[in-house]
Protein backbone atom coordinates (compact mmCIF):
# COMPACT_ATOMS: atom_id res chain seq x y z
CA MET A 1 0.00 0.00 0.00
CA SER A 2 1.36 3.42 -0.93
CA ASP A 3 1.95 6.04 1.77
CA ASP A 4 -0.77 8.26 0.24
CA LEU A 5 -3.30 5.44 0.29
CA ARG A 6 -2.36 4.57 3.87
CA ARG A 7 -2.81 8.21 4.95
CA ASP A 8 -6.20 8.34 3.21
CA LEU A 9 -7.29 5.11 4.88
CA ILE A 10 -6.22 6.35 8.31
CA ALA A 11 -8.06 9.66 7.76
CA TYR A 12 -11.18 7.82 6.59
CA ARG A 13 -11.18 5.50 9.59
CA MET A 14 -10.67 8.36 12.02
CA GLU A 15 -13.51 10.34 10.40
CA ARG A 16 -15.66 7.24 10.78
CA ALA A 17 -14.62 6.90 14.43
CA ARG A 18 -15.54 10.52 15.16
CA ALA A 19 -18.90 10.27 13.31
CA THR A 20 -19.76 7.04 15.12
CA LEU A 21 -18.92 8.66 18.46
CA ASP A 22 -21.35 11.47 17.54
CA GLU A 23 -24.00 8.80 16.83
CA ALA A 24 -23.38 7.28 20.27
CA ARG A 25 -23.94 10.66 21.90
CA LEU A 26 -27.18 11.18 19.97
CA LEU A 27 -28.45 7.75 20.94
CA LEU A 28 -27.58 8.41 24.58
CA THR A 29 -29.62 11.64 24.57
CA GLY A 30 -32.48 9.76 22.97
CA GLY A 31 -32.39 7.04 25.62
CA SER A 32 -31.31 4.21 23.32
CA LEU A 33 -28.81 2.72 25.74
CA GLN A 34 -28.03 -0.51 23.90
CA GLY A 35 -27.50 1.42 20.66
CA THR A 36 -25.29 3.88 22.53
CA VAL A 37 -22.98 1.10 23.68
CA ASN A 38 -22.85 -0.38 20.18
CA ARG A 39 -21.86 2.91 18.58
CA ALA A 40 -19.40 3.78 21.37
CA TYR A 41 -17.61 0.48 20.83
CA TYR A 42 -17.55 0.92 17.06
CA ALA A 43 -16.03 4.39 17.44
CA MET A 44 -13.19 2.73 19.36
CA PHE A 45 -12.97 -0.11 16.84
CA TYR A 46 -12.60 2.25 13.87
CA ALA A 47 -9.84 4.11 15.73
CA VAL A 48 -8.09 0.76 16.35
CA GLN A 49 -8.40 -0.03 12.64
CA ALA A 50 -6.77 3.33 11.84
CA LEU A 51 -3.87 2.52 14.18
CA LEU A 52 -3.41 -0.90 12.62
CA ALA A 53 -3.41 0.67 9.14
CA GLU A 54 -0.57 2.92 10.28
CA ARG A 55 1.49 -0.26 10.81
CA GLY A 56 0.30 -1.86 7.57
CA LEU A 57 -1.78 -4.37 9.54
CA SER A 58 -5.31 -5.55 8.94
CA ARG A 59 -7.44 -7.92 10.99
CA SER A 60 -10.87 -9.19 10.00
CA LYS A 61 -12.17 -10.12 13.45
CA HIS A 62 -12.80 -7.82 16.38
CA ALA A 63 -10.93 -9.94 18.93
CA SER A 64 -7.86 -10.22 16.70
CA SER A 65 -7.94 -6.44 16.04
CA ILE A 66 -8.00 -5.78 19.77
CA ALA A 67 -5.19 -8.28 20.35
CA ALA A 68 -3.08 -6.64 17.65
CA PHE A 69 -3.78 -3.22 19.22
CA ASP A 70 -2.56 -4.53 22.57
CA VAL A 71 0.64 -5.97 21.09
CA GLU A 72 1.49 -3.09 18.75
CA PHE A 73 0.47 -0.08 20.83
CA VAL A 74 -0.01 -0.98 24.49
CA LYS A 75 2.77 -3.48 25.18
CA THR A 76 5.20 -1.22 23.35
CA GLY A 77 4.21 1.69 25.63
CA MET A 78 2.95 3.89 22.80
CA LEU A 79 -0.48 4.07 24.43
CA ASN A 80 -1.40 3.75 28.08
CA ARG A 81 -2.66 0.38 29.35
CA SER A 82 -5.82 2.10 30.62
CA PHE A 83 -6.98 2.50 27.00
CA SER A 84 -6.69 -1.25 26.49
CA LYS A 85 -8.75 -1.89 29.62
CA GLN A 86 -11.42 0.55 28.45
CA LEU A 87 -11.50 -1.00 24.97
CA HIS A 88 -11.87 -4.50 26.39
CA SER A 89 -14.57 -3.35 28.80
CA VAL A 90 -16.69 -1.63 26.15
CA PHE A 91 -16.17 -4.58 23.77
CA ARG A 92 -17.50 -7.02 26.39
CA LEU A 93 -20.46 -4.79 27.18
CA ARG A 94 -21.27 -4.43 23.47
CA GLN A 95 -20.98 -8.19 22.94
CA ASN A 96 -23.34 -8.89 25.83
CA ALA A 97 -25.82 -6.18 24.84
CA ASP A 98 -25.88 -7.20 21.18
CA TYR A 99 -25.82 -10.98 21.47
CA GLU A 100 -27.06 -12.11 24.88
CA ASP A 101 -30.71 -12.46 25.84
CA MET A 102 -32.32 -10.17 28.39
CA VAL A 103 -29.30 -7.94 28.92
CA VAL A 104 -30.27 -4.49 30.07
CA VAL A 105 -27.75 -1.69 29.64
CA SER A 106 -27.97 0.91 32.39
CA GLU A 107 -27.72 4.62 31.72
CA GLU A 108 -24.53 4.66 33.79
CA GLN A 109 -22.97 1.92 31.64
CA ALA A 110 -23.94 3.73 28.45
CA LYS A 111 -22.52 7.05 29.70
CA GLU A 112 -19.30 5.33 30.74
CA ALA A 113 -19.00 3.65 27.34
CA VAL A 114 -19.33 7.03 25.60
CA ALA A 115 -16.78 8.60 27.95
CA HIS A 116 -14.33 5.77 27.30
CA ALA A 117 -14.88 6.00 23.55
CA ALA A 118 -14.39 9.78 23.55
CA ALA A 119 -11.14 9.52 25.50
CA PHE A 120 -9.95 6.67 23.28
CA VAL A 121 -10.68 8.46 20.00
CA ASP A 122 -9.07 11.65 21.33
CA GLU A 123 -5.95 9.72 22.35
CA VAL A 124 -5.67 8.06 18.95
CA GLU A 125 -6.09 11.44 17.24
CA ASP A 126 -3.34 12.83 19.49
CA HIS A 127 -1.14 9.89 18.51
CA PHE A 128 -1.59 10.68 14.81
CA ARG A 129 -1.00 14.40 15.33
CA SER A 130 2.24 13.76 17.23
CA SER A 131 3.47 11.12 14.79
CA SER A 132 2.93 13.44 11.82
CA SER A 133 4.87 16.32 13.38
């Protein structure tokens, strides 16, 4: 992949992360708590995909994307371990809310998911800003 194409892909994925985070916030205000968690997680996931693209990596499954994020960015110290914990937490909540029966997402859980996603996306954007300087 050319450097220009890689930059375009990263920009696209980060735009998608930011737009999806906005969707999560809208759903939260509308009281759609399960949808909020879904969109909050996907905002984080798109940011992870942007990071992986920076390294020329691609993973088709969510769990393998998260594992690659942990190896490439957390274990190397590029990003704080707390972001990994937040990503794993929101991923589990999203999995349960989307696929398990009779799971009720609380307003507190939904708000926390959005807060984690916002901090995560901001941190990834900061990473790209500092790496392009």
